[in-house]
Amino acid sequence: MLDLQWTGDTVAGARVYAAAAYALAFSSLLAANGLGLLCSLGLRETYCRPLDTDGPTQGTGVRD
């Protein structure tokens, strides 16, 4: 994201970016973090139980 905002300026061989470029790069990290949080809310907890409920469960200690 920083490279998209780079104007070509360098100081002693190091690239120089504007403050707005850093803000854009940081906001993209926050957006990705928020998206990950929203995606994690759609996950279902299995409590260590197998997802396959078609098989026999008698004697395995799994309650339905």
PDB file of N, CA and C in Angstrom:
ATOM      1  N   MET A   1       0.820  -1.184   0.000  1.00  0.00           N
ATOM      2  CA  MET A   1       0.000   0.000   0.000  1.00  0.00           C
ATOM      3  C   MET A   1       0.872   1.259   0.000  1.00  0.00           C
ATOM      4  N   LEU A   2       1.998   1.171   0.687  1.00  0.00           N
ATOM      5  CA  LEU A   2       2.867   2.340   0.697  1.00  0.00           C
ATOM      6  C   LEU A   2       3.433   2.623  -0.689  1.00  0.00           C
ATOM      7  N   ASP A   3       3.794   1.576  -1.410  1.00  0.00           N
ATOM      8  CA  ASP A   3       4.378   1.777  -2.740  1.00  0.00           C
ATOM      9  C   ASP A   3       3.394   2.428  -3.709  1.00  0.00           C
ATOM     10  N   LEU A   4       2.126   2.238  -3.525  1.00  0.00           N
ATOM     11  CA  LEU A   4       1.144   2.888  -4.388  1.00  0.00           C
ATOM     12  C   LEU A   4       1.139   4.399  -4.199  1.00  0.00           C
ATOM     13  N   GLN A   5       1.520   4.858  -3.015  1.00  0.00           N
ATOM     14  CA  GLN A   5       1.504   6.281  -2.701  1.00  0.00           C
ATOM     15  C   GLN A   5       2.885   6.931  -2.795  1.00  0.00           C
ATOM     16  N   TRP A   6       3.911   6.175  -3.193  1.00  0.00           N
ATOM     17  CA  TRP A   6       5.271   6.702  -3.237  1.00  0.00           C
ATOM     18  C   TRP A   6       5.411   7.687  -4.377  1.00  0.00           C
ATOM     19  N   THR A   7       5.973   8.836  -4.099  1.00  0.00           N
ATOM     20  CA  THR A   7       6.144   9.881  -5.114  1.00  0.00           C
ATOM     21  C   THR A   7       7.502   9.811  -5.798  1.00  0.00           C
ATOM     22  N   GLY A   8       8.360   8.920  -5.360  1.00  0.00           N
ATOM     23  CA  GLY A   8       9.676   8.783  -5.967  1.00  0.00           C
ATOM     24  C   GLY A   8      10.778   9.479  -5.192  1.00  0.00           C
ATOM     25  N   ASP A   9      10.446  10.119  -4.092  1.00  0.00           N
ATOM     26  CA  ASP A   9      11.440  10.823  -3.279  1.00  0.00           C
ATOM     27  C   ASP A   9      12.265   9.839  -2.467  1.00  0.00           C
ATOM     28  N   THR A  10      13.557  10.111  -2.377  1.00  0.00           N
ATOM     29  CA  THR A  10      14.455   9.305  -1.546  1.00  0.00           C
ATOM     30  C   THR A  10      15.368  10.228  -0.764  1.00  0.00           C
ATOM     31  N   VAL A  11      15.775   9.766   0.399  1.00  0.00           N
ATOM     32  CA  VAL A  11      16.762  10.464   1.220  1.00  0.00           C
ATOM     33  C   VAL A  11      17.797   9.432   1.624  1.00  0.00           C
ATOM     34  N   ALA A  12      19.026   9.637   1.194  1.00  0.00           N
ATOM     35  CA  ALA A  12      20.140   8.718   1.479  1.00  0.00           C
ATOM     36  C   ALA A  12      19.801   7.298   1.028  1.00  0.00           C
ATOM     37  N   GLY A  13      19.089   7.179  -0.091  1.00  0.00           N
ATOM     38  CA  GLY A  13      18.764   5.870  -0.649  1.00  0.00           C
ATOM     39  C   GLY A  13      17.511   5.229  -0.077  1.00  0.00           C
ATOM     40  N   ALA A  14      16.906   5.843   0.923  1.00  0.00           N
ATOM     41  CA  ALA A  14      15.688   5.296   1.538  1.00  0.00           C
ATOM     42  C   ALA A  14      14.468   6.033   0.984  1.00  0.00           C
ATOM     43  N   ARG A  15      13.429   5.291   0.735  1.00  0.00           N
ATOM     44  CA  ARG A  15      12.202   5.898   0.217  1.00  0.00           C
ATOM     45  C   ARG A  15      11.534   6.767   1.270  1.00  0.00           C
ATOM     46  N   VAL A  16      10.994   7.880   0.828  1.00  0.00           N
ATOM     47  CA  VAL A  16      10.296   8.806   1.719  1.00  0.00           C
ATOM     48  C   VAL A  16       8.826   8.823   1.312  1.00  0.00           C
ATOM     49  N   TYR A  17       7.959   8.618   2.281  1.00  0.00           N
ATOM     50  CA  TYR A  17       6.519   8.583   2.038  1.00  0.00           C
ATOM     51  C   TYR A  17       5.846   9.720   2.793  1.00  0.00           C
ATOM     52  N   ALA A  18       4.728  10.161   2.287  1.00  0.00           N
ATOM     53  CA  ALA A  18       3.940  11.185   2.964  1.00  0.00           C
ATOM     54  C   ALA A  18       3.194  10.562   4.146  1.00  0.00           C
ATOM     55  N   ALA A  19       2.797  11.400   5.068  1.00  0.00           N
ATOM     56  CA  ALA A  19       2.058  10.917   6.241  1.00  0.00           C
ATOM     57  C   ALA A  19       0.734  10.287   5.821  1.00  0.00           C
ATOM     58  N   ALA A  20       0.119  10.805   4.768  1.00  0.00           N
ATOM     59  CA  ALA A  20      -1.150  10.238   4.295  1.00  0.00           C
ATOM     60  C   ALA A  20      -0.952   8.815   3.772  1.00  0.00           C
ATOM     61  N   ALA A  21       0.212   8.513   3.235  1.00  0.00           N
ATOM     62  CA  ALA A  21       0.493   7.158   2.748  1.00  0.00           C
ATOM     63  C   ALA A  21       0.551   6.170   3.908  1.00  0.00           C
ATOM     64  N   TYR A  22       1.166   6.596   5.009  1.00  0.00           N
ATOM     65  CA  TYR A  22       1.198   5.744   6.195  1.00  0.00           C
ATOM     66  C   TYR A  22      -0.204   5.545   6.765  1.00  0.00           C
ATOM     67  N   ALA A  23      -0.999   6.583   6.755  1.00  0.00           N
ATOM     68  CA  ALA A  23      -2.369   6.481   7.263  1.00  0.00           C
ATOM     69  C   ALA A  23      -3.185   5.509   6.416  1.00  0.00           C
ATOM     70  N   LEU A  24      -3.011   5.560   5.104  1.00  0.00           N
ATOM     71  CA  LEU A  24      -3.724   4.635   4.218  1.00  0.00           C
ATOM     72  C   LEU A  24      -3.287   3.194   4.458  1.00  0.00           C
ATOM     73  N   ALA A  25      -1.988   2.981   4.589  1.00  0.00           N
ATOM     74  CA  ALA A  25      -1.480   1.628   4.826  1.00  0.00           C
ATOM     75  C   ALA A  25      -1.978   1.090   6.166  1.00  0.00           C
ATOM     76  N   PHE A  26      -1.978   1.930   7.190  1.00  0.00           N
ATOM     77  CA  PHE A  26      -2.444   1.485   8.504  1.00  0.00           C
ATOM     78  C   PHE A  26      -3.941   1.227   8.494  1.00  0.00           C
ATOM     79  N   SER A  27      -4.692   2.056   7.792  1.00  0.00           N
ATOM     80  CA  SER A  27      -6.141   1.838   7.746  1.00  0.00           C
ATOM     81  C   SER A  27      -6.486   0.555   7.003  1.00  0.00           C
ATOM     82  N   SER A  28      -5.666   0.151   6.035  1.00  0.00           N
ATOM     83  CA  SER A  28      -5.925  -1.121   5.362  1.00  0.00           C
ATOM     84  C   SER A  28      -5.699  -2.297   6.310  1.00  0.00           C
ATOM     85  N   LEU A  29      -4.742  -2.160   7.228  1.00  0.00           N
ATOM     86  CA  LEU A  29      -4.539  -3.197   8.239  1.00  0.00           C
ATOM     87  C   LEU A  29      -5.734  -3.279   9.188  1.00  0.00           C
ATOM     88  N   LEU A  30      -6.250  -2.134   9.569  1.00  0.00           N
ATOM     89  CA  LEU A  30      -7.427  -2.121  10.444  1.00  0.00           C
ATOM     90  C   LEU A  30      -8.647  -2.722   9.735  1.00  0.00           C
ATOM     91  N   ALA A  31      -8.794  -2.420   8.447  1.00  0.00           N
ATOM     92  CA  ALA A  31      -9.915  -2.972   7.690  1.00  0.00           C
ATOM     93  C   ALA A  31      -9.794  -4.492   7.570  1.00  0.00           C
ATOM     94  N   ALA A  32      -8.594  -4.993   7.320  1.00  0.00           N
ATOM     95  CA  ALA A  32      -8.391  -6.438   7.228  1.00  0.00           C
ATOM     96  C   ALA A  32      -8.652  -7.112   8.573  1.00  0.00           C
ATOM     97  N   ASN A  33      -8.257  -6.451   9.649  1.00  0.00           N
ATOM     98  CA  ASN A  33      -8.511  -6.979  10.985  1.00  0.00           C
ATOM     99  C   ASN A  33     -10.008  -7.044  11.259  1.00  0.00           C
ATOM    100  N   GLY A  34     -10.731  -5.993  10.897  1.00  0.00           N
ATOM    101  CA  GLY A  34     -12.180  -5.972  11.081  1.00  0.00           C
ATOM    102  C   GLY A  34     -12.878  -7.029  10.253  1.00  0.00           C
ATOM    103  N   LEU A  35     -12.414  -7.215   9.023  1.00  0.00           N
ATOM    104  CA  LEU A  35     -12.991  -8.254   8.166  1.00  0.00           C
ATOM    105  C   LEU A  35     -12.753  -9.641   8.754  1.00  0.00           C
ATOM    106  N   GLY A  36     -11.575  -9.864   9.284  1.00  0.00           N
ATOM    107  CA  GLY A  36     -11.277 -11.145   9.931  1.00  0.00           C
ATOM    108  C   GLY A  36     -12.158 -11.383  11.145  1.00  0.00           C
ATOM    109  N   LEU A  37     -12.405 -10.332  11.901  1.00  0.00           N
ATOM    110  CA  LEU A  37     -13.286 -10.455  13.064  1.00  0.00           C
ATOM    111  C   LEU A  37     -14.704 -10.800  12.636  1.00  0.00           C
ATOM    112  N   LEU A  38     -15.200 -10.130  11.606  1.00  0.00           N
ATOM    113  CA  LEU A  38     -16.546 -10.437  11.115  1.00  0.00           C
ATOM    114  C   LEU A  38     -16.638 -11.867  10.584  1.00  0.00           C
ATOM    115  N   CYS A  39     -15.613 -12.311   9.896  1.00  0.00           N
ATOM    116  CA  CYS A  39     -15.616 -13.692   9.390  1.00  0.00           C
ATOM    117  C   CYS A  39     -15.579 -14.700  10.535  1.00  0.00           C
ATOM    118  N   SER A  40     -14.841 -14.377  11.595  1.00  0.00           N
ATOM    119  CA  SER A  40     -14.760 -15.316  12.717  1.00  0.00           C
ATOM    120  C   SER A  40     -16.094 -15.435  13.449  1.00  0.00           C
ATOM    121  N   LEU A  41     -16.938 -14.421  13.366  1.00  0.00           N
ATOM    122  CA  LEU A  41     -18.249 -14.506  14.019  1.00  0.00           C
ATOM    123  C   LEU A  41     -19.158 -15.519  13.330  1.00  0.00           C
ATOM    124  N   GLY A  42     -18.854 -15.850  12.081  1.00  0.00           N
ATOM    125  CA  GLY A  42     -19.650 -16.827  11.356  1.00  0.00           C
ATOM    126  C   GLY A  42     -19.233 -18.265  11.600  1.00  0.00           C
ATOM    127  N   LEU A  43     -18.168 -18.470  12.366  1.00  0.00           N
ATOM    128  CA  LEU A  43     -17.710 -19.830  12.656  1.00  0.00           C
ATOM    129  C   LEU A  43     -18.550 -20.440  13.759  1.00  0.00           C
ATOM    130  N   ARG A  44     -18.631 -21.747  13.730  1.00  0.00           N
ATOM    131  CA  ARG A  44     -19.425 -22.455  14.727  1.00  0.00           C
ATOM    132  C   ARG A  44     -18.492 -23.279  15.608  1.00  0.00           C
ATOM    133  N   GLU A  45     -18.692 -23.213  16.907  1.00  0.00           N
ATOM    134  CA  GLU A  45     -17.911 -23.996  17.846  1.00  0.00           C
ATOM    135  C   GLU A  45     -18.440 -25.418  17.869  1.00  0.00           C
ATOM    136  N   THR A  46     -17.545 -26.398  17.760  1.00  0.00           N
ATOM    137  CA  THR A  46     -17.954 -27.806  17.759  1.00  0.00           C
ATOM    138  C   THR A  46     -17.738 -28.464  19.114  1.00  0.00           C
ATOM    139  N   TYR A  47     -17.048 -27.774  20.035  1.00  0.00           N
ATOM    140  CA  TYR A  47     -16.752 -28.331  21.352  1.00  0.00           C
ATOM    141  C   TYR A  47     -16.101 -29.707  21.236  1.00  0.00           C
ATOM    142  N   CYS A  48     -15.170 -29.829  20.314  1.00  0.00           N
ATOM    143  CA  CYS A  48     -14.372 -31.045  20.087  1.00  0.00           C
ATOM    144  C   CYS A  48     -15.215 -32.229  19.639  1.00  0.00           C
ATOM    145  N   ARG A  49     -16.392 -31.976  19.127  1.00  0.00           N
ATOM    146  CA  ARG A  49     -17.231 -33.054  18.598  1.00  0.00           C
ATOM    147  C   ARG A  49     -17.032 -33.117  17.099  1.00  0.00           C
ATOM    148  N   PRO A  50     -17.092 -34.313  16.530  1.00  0.00           N
ATOM    149  CA  PRO A  50     -16.976 -34.418  15.074  1.00  0.00           C
ATOM    150  C   PRO A  50     -18.186 -33.784  14.397  1.00  0.00           C
ATOM    151  N   LEU A  51     -17.983 -33.221  13.241  1.00  0.00           N
ATOM    152  CA  LEU A  51     -19.078 -32.592  12.514  1.00  0.00           C
ATOM    153  C   LEU A  51     -19.974 -33.612  11.840  1.00  0.00           C
ATOM    154  N   ASP A  52     -19.470 -34.820  11.615  1.00  0.00           N
ATOM    155  CA  ASP A  52     -20.252 -35.871  10.977  1.00  0.00           C
ATOM    156  C   ASP A  52     -21.222 -36.447  11.998  1.00  0.00           C
ATOM    157  N   THR A  53     -22.517 -36.169  11.837  1.00  0.00           N
ATOM    158  CA  THR A  53     -23.514 -36.676  12.779  1.00  0.00           C
ATOM    159  C   THR A  53     -24.280 -37.856  12.214  1.00  0.00           C
ATOM    160  N   ASP A  54     -23.892 -38.344  11.025  1.00  0.00           N
ATOM    161  CA  ASP A  54     -24.586 -39.476  10.415  1.00  0.00           C
ATOM    162  C   ASP A  54     -24.149 -40.810  10.999  1.00  0.00           C
ATOM    163  N   GLY A  55     -22.961 -40.861  11.561  1.00  0.00           N
ATOM    164  CA  GLY A  55     -22.437 -42.121  12.081  1.00  0.00           C
ATOM    165  C   GLY A  55     -23.000 -42.448  13.444  1.00  0.00           C
ATOM    166  N   PRO A  56     -22.673 -43.612  13.953  1.00  0.00           N
ATOM    167  CA  PRO A  56     -23.165 -44.017  15.272  1.00  0.00           C
ATOM    168  C   PRO A  56     -22.489 -43.198  16.362  1.00  0.00           C
ATOM    169  N   THR A  57     -23.279 -42.797  17.345  1.00  0.00           N
ATOM    170  CA  THR A  57     -22.737 -42.033  18.466  1.00  0.00           C
ATOM    171  C   THR A  57     -22.892 -42.775  19.779  1.00  0.00           C
ATOM    172  N   GLN A  58     -23.470 -43.946  19.746  1.00  0.00           N
ATOM    173  CA  GLN A  58     -23.687 -44.692  20.975  1.00  0.00           C
ATOM    174  C   GLN A  58     -22.347 -45.207  21.488  1.00  0.00           C
ATOM    175  N   GLY A  59     -22.072 -44.940  22.742  1.00  0.00           N
ATOM    176  CA  GLY A  59     -20.844 -45.436  23.347  1.00  0.00           C
ATOM    177  C   GLY A  59     -19.638 -44.538  23.117  1.00  0.00           C
ATOM    178  N   THR A  60     -19.808 -43.432  22.417  1.00  0.00           N
ATOM    179  CA  THR A  60     -18.670 -42.531  22.181  1.00  0.00           C
ATOM    180  C   THR A  60     -18.650 -41.358  23.139  1.00  0.00           C
ATOM    181  N   GLY A  61     -19.682 -41.206  23.933  1.00  0.00           N
ATOM    182  CA  GLY A  61     -19.743 -40.102  24.873  1.00  0.00           C
ATOM    183  C   GLY A  61     -20.233 -38.809  24.251  1.00  0.00           C
ATOM    184  N   VAL A  62     -20.682 -38.861  23.007  1.00  0.00           N
ATOM    185  CA  VAL A  62     -21.175 -37.666  22.334  1.00  0.00           C
ATOM    186  C   VAL A  62     -22.670 -37.585  22.534  1.00  0.00           C
ATOM    187  N   ARG A  63     -23.124 -36.464  23.073  1.00  0.00           N
ATOM    188  CA  ARG A  63     -24.558 -36.267  23.300  1.00  0.00           C
ATOM    189  C   ARG A  63     -25.149 -35.471  22.173  1.00  0.00           C
ATOM    190  N   ASP A  64     -26.356 -35.820  21.778  1.00  0.00           N
ATOM    191  CA  ASP A  64     -27.052 -35.089  20.709  1.00  0.00           C
ATOM    192  C   ASP A  64     -28.003 -34.087  21.305  1.00  0.00           C
TER     193      ASP A  64
END
